[in-house]
ModelCIF file with pLDDT and N, C-alpha, C, O atoms, coordinates in Angstrom:
data_MODEL
#
_entry.id   MODEL 
#
_entity.id                         1 
_entity.type                       polymer 
_entity.pdbx_number_of_molecules   1 
#
_entity_poly.entity_id                      1 
_entity_poly.type                           'polypeptide(L)' 
_entity_poly.nstd_linkage                   no 
_entity_poly.nstd_monomer                   no 
_entity_poly.pdbx_seq_one_letter_code       GARTKMPPGPALLALRTGAPLYVASMWYEPDAACASLE 
_entity_poly.pdbx_seq_one_letter_code_can   GARTKMPPGPALLALRTGAPLYVASMWYEPDAACASLE 
_entity_poly.pdbx_strand_id                 A 
#
loop_
_entity_poly_seq.entity_id 
_entity_poly_seq.num 
_entity_poly_seq.mon_id 
_entity_poly_seq.hetero 
1 1  GLY n 
1 2  ALA n 
1 3  ARG n 
1 4  THR n 
1 5  LYS n 
1 6  MET n 
1 7  PRO n 
1 8  PRO n 
1 9  GLY n 
1 10 PRO n 
1 11 ALA n 
1 12 LEU n 
1 13 LEU n 
1 14 ALA n 
1 15 LEU n 
1 16 ARG n 
1 17 THR n 
1 18 GLY n 
1 19 ALA n 
1 20 PRO n 
1 21 LEU n 
1 22 TYR n 
1 23 VAL n 
1 24 ALA n 
1 25 SER n 
1 26 MET n 
1 27 TRP n 
1 28 TYR n 
1 29 GLU n 
1 30 PRO n 
1 31 ASP n 
1 32 ALA n 
1 33 ALA n 
1 34 CYS n 
1 35 ALA n 
1 36 SER n 
1 37 LEU n 
1 38 GLU n 
#
_struct_asym.id          A 
_struct_asym.entity_id   1 
#
loop_
_ma_qa_metric.id 
_ma_qa_metric.mode 
_ma_qa_metric.name 
_ma_qa_metric.software_group_id 
_ma_qa_metric.type 
1 global pLDDT . pLDDT 
2 local  pLDDT . pLDDT 
#
_ma_qa_metric_global.metric_id      1 
_ma_qa_metric_global.metric_value   96.55 
_ma_qa_metric_global.model_id       1 
_ma_qa_metric_global.ordinal_id     1 
#
loop_
_ma_qa_metric_local.label_asym_id 
_ma_qa_metric_local.label_comp_id 
_ma_qa_metric_local.label_seq_id 
_ma_qa_metric_local.metric_id 
_ma_qa_metric_local.metric_value 
_ma_qa_metric_local.model_id 
_ma_qa_metric_local.ordinal_id 
A GLY 1  2 94.00 1 1  
A ALA 2  2 95.00 1 2  
A ARG 3  2 95.00 1 3  
A THR 4  2 95.00 1 4  
A LYS 5  2 95.00 1 5  
A MET 6  2 96.00 1 6  
A PRO 7  2 95.00 1 7  
A PRO 8  2 95.00 1 8  
A GLY 9  2 95.00 1 9  
A PRO 10 2 97.00 1 10 
A ALA 11 2 97.00 1 11 
A LEU 12 2 97.00 1 12 
A LEU 13 2 97.00 1 13 
A ALA 14 2 97.00 1 14 
A LEU 15 2 97.00 1 15 
A ARG 16 2 96.00 1 16 
A THR 17 2 96.00 1 17 
A GLY 18 2 95.00 1 18 
A ALA 19 2 96.00 1 19 
A PRO 20 2 97.00 1 20 
A LEU 21 2 98.00 1 21 
A TYR 22 2 98.00 1 22 
A VAL 23 2 98.00 1 23 
A ALA 24 2 98.00 1 24 
A SER 25 2 98.00 1 25 
A MET 26 2 98.00 1 26 
A TRP 27 2 98.00 1 27 
A TYR 28 2 98.00 1 28 
A GLU 29 2 97.00 1 29 
A PRO 30 2 95.00 1 30 
A ASP 31 2 94.00 1 31 
A ALA 32 2 97.00 1 32 
A ALA 33 2 98.00 1 33 
A CYS 34 2 98.00 1 34 
A ALA 35 2 98.00 1 35 
A SER 36 2 98.00 1 36 
A LEU 37 2 97.00 1 37 
A GLU 38 2 96.00 1 38 
#
loop_
_atom_site.group_PDB 
_atom_site.id 
_atom_site.type_symbol 
_atom_site.label_atom_id 
_atom_site.label_alt_id 
_atom_site.label_comp_id 
_atom_site.label_asym_id 
_atom_site.label_entity_id 
_atom_site.label_seq_id 
_atom_site.pdbx_PDB_ins_code 
_atom_site.Cartn_x 
_atom_site.Cartn_y 
_atom_site.Cartn_z 
_atom_site.occupancy 
_atom_site.B_iso_or_equiv 
_atom_site.pdbx_formal_charge 
_atom_site.auth_seq_id 
_atom_site.auth_comp_id 
_atom_site.auth_asym_id 
_atom_site.auth_atom_id 
_atom_site.pdbx_PDB_model_num 
ATOM 1   N N  . GLY A 1 1  ? 2.336   13.125  -11.299 1.00 94.00 ? 1  GLY A N  1 
ATOM 2   C CA . GLY A 1 1  ? 2.723   13.755  -12.440 1.00 94.00 ? 1  GLY A CA 1 
ATOM 3   C C  . GLY A 1 1  ? 4.208   13.930  -12.970 1.00 94.00 ? 1  GLY A C  1 
ATOM 4   O O  . GLY A 1 1  ? 4.532   14.540  -13.989 1.00 94.00 ? 1  GLY A O  1 
ATOM 5   N N  . ALA A 1 2  ? 5.113   13.224  -12.010 1.00 95.00 ? 2  ALA A N  1 
ATOM 6   C CA . ALA A 1 2  ? 6.530   13.409  -12.041 1.00 95.00 ? 2  ALA A CA 1 
ATOM 7   C C  . ALA A 1 2  ? 7.235   12.108  -11.813 1.00 95.00 ? 2  ALA A C  1 
ATOM 8   O O  . ALA A 1 2  ? 6.607   11.268  -11.168 1.00 95.00 ? 2  ALA A O  1 
ATOM 9   N N  . ARG A 1 3  ? 8.344   11.825  -12.203 1.00 95.00 ? 3  ARG A N  1 
ATOM 10  C CA . ARG A 1 3  ? 9.077   10.565  -12.139 1.00 95.00 ? 3  ARG A CA 1 
ATOM 11  C C  . ARG A 1 3  ? 9.849   10.563  -10.724 1.00 95.00 ? 3  ARG A C  1 
ATOM 12  O O  . ARG A 1 3  ? 10.568  11.491  -10.356 1.00 95.00 ? 3  ARG A O  1 
ATOM 13  N N  . THR A 1 4  ? 9.612   9.442   -10.011 1.00 95.00 ? 4  THR A N  1 
ATOM 14  C CA . THR A 1 4  ? 10.312  9.306   -8.967  1.00 95.00 ? 4  THR A CA 1 
ATOM 15  C C  . THR A 1 4  ? 10.456  7.459   -8.677  1.00 95.00 ? 4  THR A C  1 
ATOM 16  O O  . THR A 1 4  ? 10.007  6.636   -9.475  1.00 95.00 ? 4  THR A O  1 
ATOM 17  N N  . LYS A 1 5  ? 11.022  7.170   -7.649  1.00 95.00 ? 5  LYS A N  1 
ATOM 18  C CA . LYS A 1 5  ? 11.441  5.746   -7.446  1.00 95.00 ? 5  LYS A CA 1 
ATOM 19  C C  . LYS A 1 5  ? 10.691  5.240   -6.217  1.00 95.00 ? 5  LYS A C  1 
ATOM 20  O O  . LYS A 1 5  ? 10.563  5.858   -5.160  1.00 95.00 ? 5  LYS A O  1 
ATOM 21  N N  . MET A 1 6  ? 10.200  3.995   -6.511  1.00 96.00 ? 6  MET A N  1 
ATOM 22  C CA . MET A 1 6  ? 9.525   3.323   -5.180  1.00 96.00 ? 6  MET A CA 1 
ATOM 23  C C  . MET A 1 6  ? 10.065  1.876   -5.164  1.00 96.00 ? 6  MET A C  1 
ATOM 24  O O  . MET A 1 6  ? 10.505  1.341   -6.182  1.00 96.00 ? 6  MET A O  1 
ATOM 25  N N  . PRO A 1 7  ? 10.006  1.220   -3.861  1.00 95.00 ? 7  PRO A N  1 
ATOM 26  C CA . PRO A 1 7  ? 10.510  -0.010  -3.803  1.00 95.00 ? 7  PRO A CA 1 
ATOM 27  C C  . PRO A 1 7  ? 9.777   -1.091  -4.558  1.00 95.00 ? 7  PRO A C  1 
ATOM 28  O O  . PRO A 1 7  ? 8.555   -0.966  -4.635  1.00 95.00 ? 7  PRO A O  1 
ATOM 29  N N  . PRO A 1 8  ? 10.324  -2.089  -5.102  1.00 95.00 ? 8  PRO A N  1 
ATOM 30  C CA . PRO A 1 8  ? 9.688   -3.160  -5.894  1.00 95.00 ? 8  PRO A CA 1 
ATOM 31  C C  . PRO A 1 8  ? 9.293   -4.276  -4.931  1.00 95.00 ? 8  PRO A C  1 
ATOM 32  O O  . PRO A 1 8  ? 8.631   -5.228  -5.344  1.00 95.00 ? 8  PRO A O  1 
ATOM 33  N N  . GLY A 1 9  ? 9.689   -4.182  -3.635  1.00 95.00 ? 9  GLY A N  1 
ATOM 34  C CA . GLY A 1 9  ? 9.455   -5.473  -2.751  1.00 95.00 ? 9  GLY A CA 1 
ATOM 35  C C  . GLY A 1 9  ? 7.943   -5.834  -2.726  1.00 95.00 ? 9  GLY A C  1 
ATOM 36  O O  . GLY A 1 9  ? 7.673   -6.999  -3.019  1.00 95.00 ? 9  GLY A O  1 
ATOM 37  N N  . PRO A 1 10 ? 6.841   -4.930  -2.392  1.00 97.00 ? 10 PRO A N  1 
ATOM 38  C CA . PRO A 1 10 ? 5.445   -5.433  -2.254  1.00 97.00 ? 10 PRO A CA 1 
ATOM 39  C C  . PRO A 1 10 ? 5.074   -6.063  -3.680  1.00 97.00 ? 10 PRO A C  1 
ATOM 40  O O  . PRO A 1 10 ? 4.488   -7.145  -3.638  1.00 97.00 ? 10 PRO A O  1 
ATOM 41  N N  . ALA A 1 11 ? 5.355   -5.497  -4.968  1.00 97.00 ? 11 ALA A N  1 
ATOM 42  C CA . ALA A 1 11 ? 5.230   -6.283  -6.185  1.00 97.00 ? 11 ALA A CA 1 
ATOM 43  C C  . ALA A 1 11 ? 5.779   -7.490  -6.306  1.00 97.00 ? 11 ALA A C  1 
ATOM 44  O O  . ALA A 1 11 ? 5.111   -8.482  -6.595  1.00 97.00 ? 11 ALA A O  1 
ATOM 45  N N  . LEU A 1 12 ? 6.983   -7.510  -6.107  1.00 97.00 ? 12 LEU A N  1 
ATOM 46  C CA . LEU A 1 12 ? 7.816   -8.865  -6.225  1.00 97.00 ? 12 LEU A CA 1 
ATOM 47  C C  . LEU A 1 12 ? 7.317   -9.930  -5.311  1.00 97.00 ? 12 LEU A C  1 
ATOM 48  O O  . LEU A 1 12 ? 7.299   -11.097 -5.702  1.00 97.00 ? 12 LEU A O  1 
ATOM 49  N N  . LEU A 1 13 ? 6.880   -9.577  -4.028  1.00 97.00 ? 13 LEU A N  1 
ATOM 50  C CA . LEU A 1 13 ? 6.314   -10.459 -3.026  1.00 97.00 ? 13 LEU A CA 1 
ATOM 51  C C  . LEU A 1 13 ? 5.181   -11.129 -3.504  1.00 97.00 ? 13 LEU A C  1 
ATOM 52  O O  . LEU A 1 13 ? 5.110   -12.357 -3.550  1.00 97.00 ? 13 LEU A O  1 
ATOM 53  N N  . ALA A 1 14 ? 4.101   -10.203 -3.938  1.00 97.00 ? 14 ALA A N  1 
ATOM 54  C CA . ALA A 1 14 ? 2.780   -10.682 -4.425  1.00 97.00 ? 14 ALA A CA 1 
ATOM 55  C C  . ALA A 1 14 ? 3.087   -11.648 -5.604  1.00 97.00 ? 14 ALA A C  1 
ATOM 56  O O  . ALA A 1 14 ? 2.507   -12.729 -5.714  1.00 97.00 ? 14 ALA A O  1 
ATOM 57  N N  . LEU A 1 15 ? 4.004   -11.217 -6.457  1.00 97.00 ? 15 LEU A N  1 
ATOM 58  C CA . LEU A 1 15 ? 4.202   -12.102 -7.814  1.00 97.00 ? 15 LEU A CA 1 
ATOM 59  C C  . LEU A 1 15 ? 4.821   -13.514 -7.375  1.00 97.00 ? 15 LEU A C  1 
ATOM 60  O O  . LEU A 1 15 ? 4.566   -14.599 -7.897  1.00 97.00 ? 15 LEU A O  1 
ATOM 61  N N  . ARG A 1 16 ? 5.683   -13.271 -6.313  1.00 96.00 ? 16 ARG A N  1 
ATOM 62  C CA . ARG A 1 16 ? 6.390   -14.625 -6.201  1.00 96.00 ? 16 ARG A CA 1 
ATOM 63  C C  . ARG A 1 16 ? 5.500   -15.597 -5.300  1.00 96.00 ? 16 ARG A C  1 
ATOM 64  O O  . ARG A 1 16 ? 5.699   -16.811 -5.343  1.00 96.00 ? 16 ARG A O  1 
ATOM 65  N N  . THR A 1 17 ? 4.456   -15.008 -4.438  1.00 96.00 ? 17 THR A N  1 
ATOM 66  C CA . THR A 1 17 ? 3.698   -15.846 -3.579  1.00 96.00 ? 17 THR A CA 1 
ATOM 67  C C  . THR A 1 17 ? 2.295   -16.163 -4.079  1.00 96.00 ? 17 THR A C  1 
ATOM 68  O O  . THR A 1 17 ? 1.674   -17.146 -3.674  1.00 96.00 ? 17 THR A O  1 
ATOM 69  N N  . GLY A 1 18 ? 1.806   -15.282 -4.990  1.00 95.00 ? 18 GLY A N  1 
ATOM 70  C CA . GLY A 1 18 ? 0.529   -15.276 -5.319  1.00 95.00 ? 18 GLY A CA 1 
ATOM 71  C C  . GLY A 1 18 ? -0.434  -14.557 -4.258  1.00 95.00 ? 18 GLY A C  1 
ATOM 72  O O  . GLY A 1 18 ? -1.649  -14.664 -4.430  1.00 95.00 ? 18 GLY A O  1 
ATOM 73  N N  . ALA A 1 19 ? 0.022   -13.884 -3.249  1.00 96.00 ? 19 ALA A N  1 
ATOM 74  C CA . ALA A 1 19 ? -0.808  -13.440 -2.150  1.00 96.00 ? 19 ALA A CA 1 
ATOM 75  C C  . ALA A 1 19 ? -1.552  -12.358 -2.635  1.00 96.00 ? 19 ALA A C  1 
ATOM 76  O O  . ALA A 1 19 ? -1.067  -11.665 -3.531  1.00 96.00 ? 19 ALA A O  1 
ATOM 77  N N  . PRO A 1 20 ? -2.877  -12.062 -2.084  1.00 97.00 ? 20 PRO A N  1 
ATOM 78  C CA . PRO A 1 20 ? -3.469  -10.721 -2.265  1.00 97.00 ? 20 PRO A CA 1 
ATOM 79  C C  . PRO A 1 20 ? -2.608  -9.749  -1.943  1.00 97.00 ? 20 PRO A C  1 
ATOM 80  O O  . PRO A 1 20 ? -1.803  -9.799  -1.014  1.00 97.00 ? 20 PRO A O  1 
ATOM 81  N N  . LEU A 1 21 ? -2.803  -8.627  -2.896  1.00 98.00 ? 21 LEU A N  1 
ATOM 82  C CA . LEU A 1 21 ? -1.843  -7.260  -2.677  1.00 98.00 ? 21 LEU A CA 1 
ATOM 83  C C  . LEU A 1 21 ? -2.867  -6.312  -2.603  1.00 98.00 ? 21 LEU A C  1 
ATOM 84  O O  . LEU A 1 21 ? -3.841  -6.256  -3.354  1.00 98.00 ? 21 LEU A O  1 
ATOM 85  N N  . TYR A 1 22 ? -2.569  -5.450  -1.520  1.00 98.00 ? 22 TYR A N  1 
ATOM 86  C CA . TYR A 1 22 ? -3.535  -4.357  -1.268  1.00 98.00 ? 22 TYR A CA 1 
ATOM 87  C C  . TYR A 1 22 ? -2.866  -3.066  -1.112  1.00 98.00 ? 22 TYR A C  1 
ATOM 88  O O  . TYR A 1 22 ? -1.700  -3.118  -0.720  1.00 98.00 ? 22 TYR A O  1 
ATOM 89  N N  . VAL A 1 23 ? -3.387  -1.896  -1.345  1.00 98.00 ? 23 VAL A N  1 
ATOM 90  C CA . VAL A 1 23 ? -2.815  -0.675  -1.098  1.00 98.00 ? 23 VAL A CA 1 
ATOM 91  C C  . VAL A 1 23 ? -3.692  0.030   -0.204  1.00 98.00 ? 23 VAL A C  1 
ATOM 92  O O  . VAL A 1 23 ? -4.899  0.099   -0.432  1.00 98.00 ? 23 VAL A O  1 
ATOM 93  N N  . ALA A 1 24 ? -3.045  0.666   1.004   1.00 98.00 ? 24 ALA A N  1 
ATOM 94  C CA . ALA A 1 24 ? -3.710  1.057   2.023   1.00 98.00 ? 24 ALA A CA 1 
ATOM 95  C C  . ALA A 1 24 ? -3.536  2.615   2.042   1.00 98.00 ? 24 ALA A C  1 
ATOM 96  O O  . ALA A 1 24 ? -2.434  3.157   1.961   1.00 98.00 ? 24 ALA A O  1 
ATOM 97  N N  . SER A 1 25 ? -4.770  3.309   2.160   1.00 98.00 ? 25 SER A N  1 
ATOM 98  C CA . SER A 1 25 ? -4.826  4.945   2.499   1.00 98.00 ? 25 SER A CA 1 
ATOM 99  C C  . SER A 1 25 ? -4.961  5.030   3.897   1.00 98.00 ? 25 SER A C  1 
ATOM 100 O O  . SER A 1 25 ? -5.799  4.374   4.515   1.00 98.00 ? 25 SER A O  1 
ATOM 101 N N  . MET A 1 26 ? -4.131  5.851   4.445   1.00 98.00 ? 26 MET A N  1 
ATOM 102 C CA . MET A 1 26 ? -3.995  6.015   5.908   1.00 98.00 ? 26 MET A CA 1 
ATOM 103 C C  . MET A 1 26 ? -4.093  7.625   6.328   1.00 98.00 ? 26 MET A C  1 
ATOM 104 O O  . MET A 1 26 ? -3.455  8.514   5.764   1.00 98.00 ? 26 MET A O  1 
ATOM 105 N N  . TRP A 1 27 ? -4.991  7.813   7.400   1.00 98.00 ? 27 TRP A N  1 
ATOM 106 C CA . TRP A 1 27 ? -5.283  9.168   7.630   1.00 98.00 ? 27 TRP A CA 1 
ATOM 107 C C  . TRP A 1 27 ? -5.664  9.157   9.202   1.00 98.00 ? 27 TRP A C  1 
ATOM 108 O O  . TRP A 1 27 ? -5.639  8.122   9.868   1.00 98.00 ? 27 TRP A O  1 
ATOM 109 N N  . TYR A 1 28 ? -5.989  10.316  9.676   1.00 98.00 ? 28 TYR A N  1 
ATOM 110 C CA . TYR A 1 28 ? -6.440  10.583  11.141  1.00 98.00 ? 28 TYR A CA 1 
ATOM 111 C C  . TYR A 1 28 ? -7.722  11.127  11.079  1.00 98.00 ? 28 TYR A C  1 
ATOM 112 O O  . TYR A 1 28 ? -8.033  12.078  10.362  1.00 98.00 ? 28 TYR A O  1 
ATOM 113 N N  . GLU A 1 29 ? -8.603  10.410  11.970  1.00 97.00 ? 29 GLU A N  1 
ATOM 114 C CA . GLU A 1 29 ? -9.922  11.306  12.432  1.00 97.00 ? 29 GLU A CA 1 
ATOM 115 C C  . GLU A 1 29 ? -9.603  11.508  13.960  1.00 97.00 ? 29 GLU A C  1 
ATOM 116 O O  . GLU A 1 29 ? -8.808  10.837  14.618  1.00 97.00 ? 29 GLU A O  1 
ATOM 117 N N  . PRO A 1 30 ? -10.324 12.491  14.371  1.00 95.00 ? 30 PRO A N  1 
ATOM 118 C CA . PRO A 1 30 ? -10.008 13.194  15.820  1.00 95.00 ? 30 PRO A CA 1 
ATOM 119 C C  . PRO A 1 30 ? -10.051 12.019  16.787  1.00 95.00 ? 30 PRO A C  1 
ATOM 120 O O  . PRO A 1 30 ? -9.300  12.140  17.754  1.00 95.00 ? 30 PRO A O  1 
ATOM 121 N N  . ASP A 1 31 ? -10.743 10.960  16.726  1.00 94.00 ? 31 ASP A N  1 
ATOM 122 C CA . ASP A 1 31 ? -10.901 9.823   17.656  1.00 94.00 ? 31 ASP A CA 1 
ATOM 123 C C  . ASP A 1 31 ? -9.911  8.624   17.376  1.00 94.00 ? 31 ASP A C  1 
ATOM 124 O O  . ASP A 1 31 ? -9.662  7.773   18.230  1.00 94.00 ? 31 ASP A O  1 
ATOM 125 N N  . ALA A 1 32 ? -9.413  8.631   16.213  1.00 97.00 ? 32 ALA A N  1 
ATOM 126 C CA . ALA A 1 32 ? -8.696  7.504   15.816  1.00 97.00 ? 32 ALA A CA 1 
ATOM 127 C C  . ALA A 1 32 ? -7.810  7.700   14.657  1.00 97.00 ? 32 ALA A C  1 
ATOM 128 O O  . ALA A 1 32 ? -7.970  8.630   13.867  1.00 97.00 ? 32 ALA A O  1 
ATOM 129 N N  . ALA A 1 33 ? -6.696  6.654   14.539  1.00 98.00 ? 33 ALA A N  1 
ATOM 130 C CA . ALA A 1 33 ? -6.099  6.658   13.222  1.00 98.00 ? 33 ALA A CA 1 
ATOM 131 C C  . ALA A 1 33 ? -6.935  5.519   12.360  1.00 98.00 ? 33 ALA A C  1 
ATOM 132 O O  . ALA A 1 33 ? -7.413  4.464   12.777  1.00 98.00 ? 33 ALA A O  1 
ATOM 133 N N  . CYS A 1 34 ? -6.955  6.039   11.105  1.00 98.00 ? 34 CYS A N  1 
ATOM 134 C CA . CYS A 1 34 ? -7.845  5.152   10.258  1.00 98.00 ? 34 CYS A CA 1 
ATOM 135 C C  . CYS A 1 34 ? -7.027  4.662   9.045   1.00 98.00 ? 34 CYS A C  1 
ATOM 136 O O  . CYS A 1 34 ? -5.965  5.198   8.729   1.00 98.00 ? 34 CYS A O  1 
ATOM 137 N N  . ALA A 1 35 ? -7.577  3.597   8.362   1.00 98.00 ? 35 ALA A N  1 
ATOM 138 C CA . ALA A 1 35 ? -6.993  3.312   7.120   1.00 98.00 ? 35 ALA A CA 1 
ATOM 139 C C  . ALA A 1 35 ? -8.001  2.528   6.080   1.00 98.00 ? 35 ALA A C  1 
ATOM 140 O O  . ALA A 1 35 ? -8.972  1.974   6.595   1.00 98.00 ? 35 ALA A O  1 
ATOM 141 N N  . SER A 1 36 ? -7.874  2.460   4.952   1.00 98.00 ? 36 SER A N  1 
ATOM 142 C CA . SER A 1 36 ? -8.853  1.731   4.180   1.00 98.00 ? 36 SER A CA 1 
ATOM 143 C C  . SER A 1 36 ? -8.003  0.938   3.196   1.00 98.00 ? 36 SER A C  1 
ATOM 144 O O  . SER A 1 36 ? -6.847  1.320   3.013   1.00 98.00 ? 36 SER A O  1 
ATOM 145 N N  . LEU A 1 37 ? -8.466  -0.141  2.537   1.00 97.00 ? 37 LEU A N  1 
ATOM 146 C CA . LEU A 1 37 ? -7.735  -0.868  1.524   1.00 97.00 ? 37 LEU A CA 1 
ATOM 147 C C  . LEU A 1 37 ? -8.200  -0.956  0.283   1.00 97.00 ? 37 LEU A C  1 
ATOM 148 O O  . LEU A 1 37 ? -9.406  -1.179  0.175   1.00 97.00 ? 37 LEU A O  1 
ATOM 149 N N  . GLU A 1 38 ? -7.452  -0.819  -0.854  1.00 96.00 ? 38 GLU A N  1 
ATOM 150 C CA . GLU A 1 38 ? -7.892  -1.016  -2.082  1.00 96.00 ? 38 GLU A CA 1 
ATOM 151 C C  . GLU A 1 38 ? -7.282  -2.444  -2.473  1.00 96.00 ? 38 GLU A C  1 
ATOM 152 O O  . GLU A 1 38 ? -7.509  -2.930  -3.580  1.00 96.00 ? 38 GLU A O  1 
#
C-alpha cells in the first residue's frame, strides 16, 4: 500500500533471455527452512 523501489534485475534478465521467472516465498518450519515458487 505504499511506494518504494525494487531492483529491475530479475525482470530485465527474464525479458532479455525469455527464461522462466519465479517469485519465491521463504519461511521457517521447526525442522527446516522452506520455500515455495509462484
